Amino acid sequence: MNPQTLKKISAEDATGDTKAGCNWAEVTWNTEIEKRVNEIKSGKAKGRAAEDILAEIRAKYS
């Protein structure tokens, strides 16, 4: 998260704004999503088919 974003979140928290928590969660998730998309695009991370993952889970817990 960049410093400007953190300053905005801190200012909202200090005012007691009940939406500040929602903003924090939204900003945090957007940052995480952006990071994950960049990892996939760069080849650092690779996606897996949902069917394969679900099959592994079923095999493990069945």
C-alpha atoms as a PDB file:
ATOM      1  CA  MET A   1       0.000   0.000   0.000  1.00  0.00           C
ATOM      2  CA  ASN A   2       1.398   3.396  -0.845  1.00  0.00           C
ATOM      3  CA  PRO A   3       1.954   6.108   1.810  1.00  0.00           C
ATOM      4  CA  GLN A   4      -0.839   8.340   0.473  1.00  0.00           C
ATOM      5  CA  THR A   5      -3.360   5.531   0.846  1.00  0.00           C
ATOM      6  CA  LEU A   6      -2.203   4.840   4.381  1.00  0.00           C
ATOM      7  CA  LYS A   7      -2.521   8.546   5.281  1.00  0.00           C
ATOM      8  CA  LYS A   8      -6.093   8.606   3.940  1.00  0.00           C
ATOM      9  CA  ILE A   9      -7.058   5.491   5.880  1.00  0.00           C
ATOM     10  CA  SER A  10      -5.461   6.827   9.084  1.00  0.00           C
ATOM     11  CA  ALA A  11      -7.265  10.163   8.730  1.00  0.00           C
ATOM     12  CA  GLU A  12     -10.601   8.412   8.245  1.00  0.00           C
ATOM     13  CA  ASP A  13      -9.999   6.182  11.266  1.00  0.00           C
ATOM     14  CA  ALA A  14      -9.124   9.221  13.406  1.00  0.00           C
ATOM     15  CA  THR A  15     -12.414  10.918  12.546  1.00  0.00           C
ATOM     16  CA  GLY A  16     -14.393   7.898  13.705  1.00  0.00           C
ATOM     17  CA  ASP A  17     -15.885   7.483  10.242  1.00  0.00           C
ATOM     18  CA  THR A  18     -17.709   4.147  10.270  1.00  0.00           C
ATOM     19  CA  LYS A  19     -16.953   3.749   6.573  1.00  0.00           C
ATOM     20  CA  ALA A  20     -13.205   3.874   7.242  1.00  0.00           C
ATOM     21  CA  GLY A  21     -13.075   0.143   7.948  1.00  0.00           C
ATOM     22  CA  CYS A  22     -14.849  -0.566   4.683  1.00  0.00           C
ATOM     23  CA  ASN A  23     -12.431   1.696   2.841  1.00  0.00           C
ATOM     24  CA  TRP A  24      -9.508  -0.044   4.490  1.00  0.00           C
ATOM     25  CA  ALA A  25     -10.811  -3.474   3.485  1.00  0.00           C
ATOM     26  CA  GLU A  26     -11.510  -2.335  -0.058  1.00  0.00           C
ATOM     27  CA  VAL A  27      -8.087  -0.743  -0.442  1.00  0.00           C
ATOM     28  CA  THR A  28      -6.386  -3.797   1.056  1.00  0.00           C
ATOM     29  CA  TRP A  29      -8.181  -6.242  -1.239  1.00  0.00           C
ATOM     30  CA  ASN A  30      -7.629  -4.076  -4.315  1.00  0.00           C
ATOM     31  CA  THR A  31      -3.918  -3.954  -3.489  1.00  0.00           C
ATOM     32  CA  GLU A  32      -3.796  -7.741  -3.056  1.00  0.00           C
ATOM     33  CA  ILE A  33      -5.699  -8.342  -6.290  1.00  0.00           C
ATOM     34  CA  GLU A  34      -3.361  -6.025  -8.186  1.00  0.00           C
ATOM     35  CA  LYS A  35      -0.348  -7.861  -6.743  1.00  0.00           C
ATOM     36  CA  ARG A  36      -1.745 -11.265  -7.723  1.00  0.00           C
ATOM     37  CA  VAL A  37      -2.643 -10.152 -11.249  1.00  0.00           C
ATOM     38  CA  ASN A  38       0.876  -8.771 -11.714  1.00  0.00           C
ATOM     39  CA  GLU A  39       2.376 -12.064 -10.490  1.00  0.00           C
ATOM     40  CA  ILE A  40       0.300 -14.012 -13.006  1.00  0.00           C
ATOM     41  CA  LYS A  41       1.099 -11.640 -15.873  1.00  0.00           C
ATOM     42  CA  SER A  42       4.826 -11.754 -15.090  1.00  0.00           C
ATOM     43  CA  GLY A  43       4.839 -15.546 -14.954  1.00  0.00           C
ATOM     44  CA  LYS A  44       5.864 -15.599 -11.284  1.00  0.00           C
ATOM     45  CA  ALA A  45       2.576 -17.329 -10.404  1.00  0.00           C
ATOM     46  CA  LYS A  46       0.506 -19.676 -12.516  1.00  0.00           C
ATOM     47  CA  GLY A  47      -3.187 -20.351 -12.346  1.00  0.00           C
ATOM     48  CA  ARG A  48      -4.626 -23.813 -11.883  1.00  0.00           C
ATOM     49  CA  ALA A  49      -7.900 -25.220 -13.124  1.00  0.00           C
ATOM     50  CA  ALA A  50     -10.603 -25.209 -10.469  1.00  0.00           C
ATOM     51  CA  GLU A  51     -11.493 -28.790 -11.403  1.00  0.00           C
ATOM     52  CA  ASP A  52      -7.968 -29.944 -10.490  1.00  0.00           C
ATOM     53  CA  ILE A  53      -8.002 -28.155  -7.154  1.00  0.00           C
ATOM     54  CA  LEU A  54     -11.465 -29.456  -6.260  1.00  0.00           C
ATOM     55  CA  ALA A  55     -10.413 -32.999  -7.182  1.00  0.00           C
ATOM     56  CA  GLU A  56      -7.419 -32.722  -4.828  1.00  0.00           C
ATOM     57  CA  ILE A  57      -9.655 -31.475  -2.009  1.00  0.00           C
ATOM     58  CA  ARG A  58     -12.177 -34.248  -2.564  1.00  0.00           C
ATOM     59  CA  ALA A  59      -9.422 -36.882  -2.589  1.00  0.00           C
ATOM     60  CA  LYS A  60      -7.896 -35.492   0.590  1.00  0.00           C
ATOM     61  CA  TYR A  61     -11.136 -35.237   2.589  1.00  0.00           C
ATOM     62  CA  SER A  62     -13.170 -38.148   1.236  1.00  0.00           C
END
